[in-house]
Structure formats: C-alpha cells, structure tokens
Amino acid sequence: MNISMWYTWPAFCAKQKTVTRRNWKPQTMDRLKLDFEHTAWDRNPRFKGVCIGGIYVTETPFIQNTSEMTDQDYIDEGFWFMDSIGWRPPMLIKSGFRSWWVYFNEWRYAVCEDLVVVRFEPRPNAAADKKLEDLHA
C-alpha cells in the first residue's frame, strides 16, 4: 500500500515520524498489516511523488478521536522535528500557518474527528536522504 507523508516528509526522512493519522474507511485500515512494510512517498505518486522509503507497521491500526491525542503525539507525528528545523510547507504558509505546535493543537482541540492511527518504524531510502540534504542546503 502507498502512503503519502505529504507535509511531514522531512520528519519521515529524518526518522522523526513514527505515527500517521488518516481519514480512511475501515476497509483501507484493514489493508495495513502488522509487521509488514508499506511504501512511503513524499506526496501521492499520481502527482509526481517520490518514493522515500517504507513504513513498517508496529502496532495494529486503530481508530482514535483527535481530542485524545497527547503531547507525545506532537513528537511522534514529526511536528516537533519540523518546528525545530523551522520547516513550513509553502501551501500552509499562504494560509496563515504559524507553527506545528499551533497546528497540532488546533487539530487536536478544534477538529475532533475520528481517524485511523498507524504507528510505524520509518525506513527511509536513498531518495529520502537526498531530499533531506537538499532541504538543509
């Protein structure tokens, strides 16, 4: 299964993202097998995404309301890492994006939606290393 990291690709490439939350149907969630590696992309492959490695599912995916996220999830989602390097996606900057901490808390407290939670071990590849090098250049 292909999984896009989209805005959080820098954290994935640096092995600082270990969870993702998605608005998926139960059938899609069921395709994510425990102890199995799925393909990770910087964005959807249909839109010229680049494969940046794999995610090895470490816990059976489950559904959780965003209001139940903890401060640790801010770190596990890779948001702390992206705040620490000052990375902001251009599309979010245009919409008034301030910080990943503010974004996380708005998601946690204002959105309050049930999402599929996938915990994983990130396994970046050489393309991920190159993207990270280019980001810091």
C-alpha atoms as a PDB file:
ATOM      1  CA  MET A   1       0.000   0.000   0.000  1.00  0.00           C
ATOM      2  CA  ASN A   2       1.266   3.505  -0.845  1.00  0.00           C
ATOM      3  CA  ILE A   3       1.205   6.053   1.979  1.00  0.00           C
ATOM      4  CA  SER A   4       1.948   9.718   1.344  1.00  0.00           C
ATOM      5  CA  MET A   5       3.773  11.661   4.058  1.00  0.00           C
ATOM      6  CA  TRP A   6       2.889  14.955   2.294  1.00  0.00           C
ATOM      7  CA  TYR A   7       3.604  17.864   4.680  1.00  0.00           C
ATOM      8  CA  THR A   8       5.536  15.678   7.107  1.00  0.00           C
ATOM      9  CA  TRP A   9       8.044  14.139   4.677  1.00  0.00           C
ATOM     10  CA  PRO A  10      11.070  15.905   6.291  1.00  0.00           C
ATOM     11  CA  ALA A  11      10.305  14.273   9.648  1.00  0.00           C
ATOM     12  CA  PHE A  12       9.857  10.880   7.986  1.00  0.00           C
ATOM     13  CA  CYS A  13      13.156  11.207   6.106  1.00  0.00           C
ATOM     14  CA  ALA A  14      14.928  12.063   9.382  1.00  0.00           C
ATOM     15  CA  LYS A  15      13.274   9.090  11.147  1.00  0.00           C
ATOM     16  CA  GLN A  16      11.415  11.520  13.417  1.00  0.00           C
ATOM     17  CA  LYS A  17       7.888  10.497  12.387  1.00  0.00           C
ATOM     18  CA  THR A  18       6.515   7.255  13.833  1.00  0.00           C
ATOM     19  CA  VAL A  19       2.750   7.720  13.548  1.00  0.00           C
ATOM     20  CA  THR A  20       0.286   8.959  10.976  1.00  0.00           C
ATOM     21  CA  ARG A  21      -3.438   9.615  11.202  1.00  0.00           C
ATOM     22  CA  ARG A  22      -5.780   9.233   8.260  1.00  0.00           C
ATOM     23  CA  ASN A  23      -9.439   9.655   7.439  1.00  0.00           C
ATOM     24  CA  TRP A  24      -9.773   6.155   5.975  1.00  0.00           C
ATOM     25  CA  LYS A  25     -12.588   3.692   5.628  1.00  0.00           C
ATOM     26  CA  PRO A  26     -12.313   0.521   7.753  1.00  0.00           C
ATOM     27  CA  GLN A  27     -11.535  -1.497   4.597  1.00  0.00           C
ATOM     28  CA  THR A  28      -8.456   0.645   3.946  1.00  0.00           C
ATOM     29  CA  MET A  29      -7.345   0.344   7.562  1.00  0.00           C
ATOM     30  CA  ASP A  30      -7.634  -3.443   7.280  1.00  0.00           C
ATOM     31  CA  ARG A  31      -5.093  -3.437   4.430  1.00  0.00           C
ATOM     32  CA  LEU A  32      -2.380  -2.190   6.815  1.00  0.00           C
ATOM     33  CA  LYS A  33      -0.994  -5.403   8.199  1.00  0.00           C
ATOM     34  CA  LEU A  34       1.026  -5.577  11.407  1.00  0.00           C
ATOM     35  CA  ASP A  35       4.703  -6.468  10.859  1.00  0.00           C
ATOM     36  CA  PHE A  36       4.507  -5.512   7.190  1.00  0.00           C
ATOM     37  CA  GLU A  37       6.306  -2.790   5.251  1.00  0.00           C
ATOM     38  CA  HIS A  38       4.319  -0.390   3.071  1.00  0.00           C
ATOM     39  CA  THR A  39       5.703   2.171   0.619  1.00  0.00           C
ATOM     40  CA  ALA A  40       6.159   5.769   1.842  1.00  0.00           C
ATOM     41  CA  TRP A  41       6.006   8.690  -0.585  1.00  0.00           C
ATOM     42  CA  ASP A  42       6.720  12.415  -0.236  1.00  0.00           C
ATOM     43  CA  ARG A  43       3.359  13.014  -1.921  1.00  0.00           C
ATOM     44  CA  ASN A  44       0.841  10.963  -3.854  1.00  0.00           C
ATOM     45  CA  PRO A  45       2.580   9.046  -6.656  1.00  0.00           C
ATOM     46  CA  ARG A  46      -0.192  10.127  -9.056  1.00  0.00           C
ATOM     47  CA  PHE A  47       1.090  13.696  -8.621  1.00  0.00           C
ATOM     48  CA  LYS A  48       4.769  13.005  -9.303  1.00  0.00           C
ATOM     49  CA  GLY A  49       5.509  11.815  -5.787  1.00  0.00           C
ATOM     50  CA  VAL A  50       8.873  10.263  -4.975  1.00  0.00           C
ATOM     51  CA  CYS A  51       9.212   7.025  -3.031  1.00  0.00           C
ATOM     52  CA  ILE A  52      11.110   7.957   0.148  1.00  0.00           C
ATOM     53  CA  GLY A  53      11.172   4.545   1.811  1.00  0.00           C
ATOM     54  CA  GLY A  54       8.840   2.327   3.724  1.00  0.00           C
ATOM     55  CA  ILE A  55       6.839   2.212   6.905  1.00  0.00           C
ATOM     56  CA  TYR A  56       6.977  -0.961   8.952  1.00  0.00           C
ATOM     57  CA  VAL A  57       3.699  -1.212  10.864  1.00  0.00           C
ATOM     58  CA  THR A  58       4.496  -1.851  14.551  1.00  0.00           C
ATOM     59  CA  GLU A  59       1.017  -1.787  16.076  1.00  0.00           C
ATOM     60  CA  THR A  60      -2.380  -2.874  14.792  1.00  0.00           C
ATOM     61  CA  PRO A  61      -4.016   0.271  13.329  1.00  0.00           C
ATOM     62  CA  PHE A  62      -6.947   1.604  15.338  1.00  0.00           C
ATOM     63  CA  ILE A  63      -9.452   4.455  15.325  1.00  0.00           C
ATOM     64  CA  GLN A  64      -8.996   7.358  17.736  1.00  0.00           C
ATOM     65  CA  ASN A  65     -10.547  10.784  18.106  1.00  0.00           C
ATOM     66  CA  THR A  66      -8.058  13.616  17.642  1.00  0.00           C
ATOM     67  CA  SER A  67      -9.173  15.041  21.012  1.00  0.00           C
ATOM     68  CA  GLU A  68      -7.455  12.010  22.607  1.00  0.00           C
ATOM     69  CA  MET A  69      -4.031  12.844  21.161  1.00  0.00           C
ATOM     70  CA  THR A  70      -1.333  13.545  23.741  1.00  0.00           C
ATOM     71  CA  ASP A  71       1.615  15.915  23.696  1.00  0.00           C
ATOM     72  CA  GLN A  72       3.755  12.881  22.803  1.00  0.00           C
ATOM     73  CA  ASP A  73       1.783  12.623  19.560  1.00  0.00           C
ATOM     74  CA  TYR A  74       3.122  16.082  18.618  1.00  0.00           C
ATOM     75  CA  ILE A  75       6.584  14.497  18.678  1.00  0.00           C
ATOM     76  CA  ASP A  76       5.560  11.153  17.136  1.00  0.00           C
ATOM     77  CA  GLU A  77       3.769  12.875  14.215  1.00  0.00           C
ATOM     78  CA  GLY A  78       7.080  14.604  13.437  1.00  0.00           C
ATOM     79  CA  PHE A  79       5.771  18.078  14.204  1.00  0.00           C
ATOM     80  CA  TRP A  80       8.365  18.802  16.913  1.00  0.00           C
ATOM     81  CA  PHE A  81      11.152  17.986  14.473  1.00  0.00           C
ATOM     82  CA  MET A  82       9.733  20.284  11.803  1.00  0.00           C
ATOM     83  CA  ASP A  83       9.309  23.111  14.330  1.00  0.00           C
ATOM     84  CA  SER A  84      12.908  22.563  15.469  1.00  0.00           C
ATOM     85  CA  ILE A  85      14.304  22.982  11.929  1.00  0.00           C
ATOM     86  CA  GLY A  86      11.843  25.753  11.049  1.00  0.00           C
ATOM     87  CA  TRP A  87      10.335  23.912   8.067  1.00  0.00           C
ATOM     88  CA  ARG A  88       6.998  25.231   6.835  1.00  0.00           C
ATOM     89  CA  PRO A  89       5.185  23.913   3.742  1.00  0.00           C
ATOM     90  CA  PRO A  90       4.624  26.760   1.249  1.00  0.00           C
ATOM     91  CA  MET A  91       0.912  25.959   0.866  1.00  0.00           C
ATOM     92  CA  LEU A  92       0.330  26.230   4.620  1.00  0.00           C
ATOM     93  CA  ILE A  93       2.324  29.475   4.950  1.00  0.00           C
ATOM     94  CA  LYS A  94      -0.082  31.123   2.499  1.00  0.00           C
ATOM     95  CA  SER A  95      -2.995  30.179   4.758  1.00  0.00           C
ATOM     96  CA  GLY A  96      -1.501  31.852   7.855  1.00  0.00           C
ATOM     97  CA  PHE A  97       0.390  28.840   9.250  1.00  0.00           C
ATOM     98  CA  ARG A  98       2.326  29.825  12.414  1.00  0.00           C
ATOM     99  CA  SER A  99       3.898  26.722  13.893  1.00  0.00           C
ATOM    100  CA  TRP A 100       3.447  22.965  14.015  1.00  0.00           C
ATOM    101  CA  TRP A 101       2.584  23.204  17.727  1.00  0.00           C
ATOM    102  CA  VAL A 102      -0.304  25.587  16.978  1.00  0.00           C
ATOM    103  CA  TYR A 103      -1.373  23.411  14.015  1.00  0.00           C
ATOM    104  CA  PHE A 104      -1.275  20.275  16.200  1.00  0.00           C
ATOM    105  CA  ASN A 105      -3.377  21.828  18.954  1.00  0.00           C
ATOM    106  CA  GLU A 106      -5.942  23.203  16.507  1.00  0.00           C
ATOM    107  CA  TRP A 107      -6.185  19.713  15.019  1.00  0.00           C
ATOM    108  CA  ARG A 108      -6.440  18.169  18.475  1.00  0.00           C
ATOM    109  CA  TYR A 109      -8.942  20.532  20.088  1.00  0.00           C
ATOM    110  CA  ALA A 110     -10.900  22.163  17.264  1.00  0.00           C
ATOM    111  CA  VAL A 111     -11.274  19.407  14.688  1.00  0.00           C
ATOM    112  CA  CYS A 112     -12.153  16.477  16.977  1.00  0.00           C
ATOM    113  CA  GLU A 113     -12.566  13.778  14.342  1.00  0.00           C
ATOM    114  CA  ASP A 114     -12.165  10.013  14.420  1.00  0.00           C
ATOM    115  CA  LEU A 115      -9.105   8.964  12.429  1.00  0.00           C
ATOM    116  CA  VAL A 116      -7.173   5.769  11.750  1.00  0.00           C
ATOM    117  CA  VAL A 117      -3.924   5.753  13.740  1.00  0.00           C
ATOM    118  CA  VAL A 118      -0.968   3.906  12.215  1.00  0.00           C
ATOM    119  CA  ARG A 119       2.155   3.501  14.353  1.00  0.00           C
ATOM    120  CA  PHE A 120       5.258   2.503  12.444  1.00  0.00           C
ATOM    121  CA  GLU A 121       9.014   2.363  12.185  1.00  0.00           C
ATOM    122  CA  PRO A 122      10.216   4.730   9.442  1.00  0.00           C
ATOM    123  CA  ARG A 123      12.616   3.182   6.918  1.00  0.00           C
ATOM    124  CA  PRO A 124      13.858   5.998   4.677  1.00  0.00           C
ATOM    125  CA  ASN A 125      15.742   5.174   1.475  1.00  0.00           C
ATOM    126  CA  ALA A 126      18.472   6.969  -0.529  1.00  0.00           C
ATOM    127  CA  ALA A 127      15.888   9.312  -2.120  1.00  0.00           C
ATOM    128  CA  ALA A 128      14.850  10.385   1.390  1.00  0.00           C
ATOM    129  CA  ASP A 129      18.481  11.089   2.295  1.00  0.00           C
ATOM    130  CA  LYS A 130      18.834  13.224  -0.840  1.00  0.00           C
ATOM    131  CA  LYS A 131      15.650  15.195  -0.101  1.00  0.00           C
ATOM    132  CA  LEU A 132      16.886  15.873   3.437  1.00  0.00           C
ATOM    133  CA  GLU A 133      20.292  17.014   2.128  1.00  0.00           C
ATOM    134  CA  ASP A 134      18.575  19.342  -0.346  1.00  0.00           C
ATOM    135  CA  LEU A 135      16.363  20.733   2.415  1.00  0.00           C
ATOM    136  CA  HIS A 136      19.409  21.680   4.505  1.00  0.00           C
ATOM    137  CA  ALA A 137      21.415  23.035   1.551  1.00  0.00           C
END
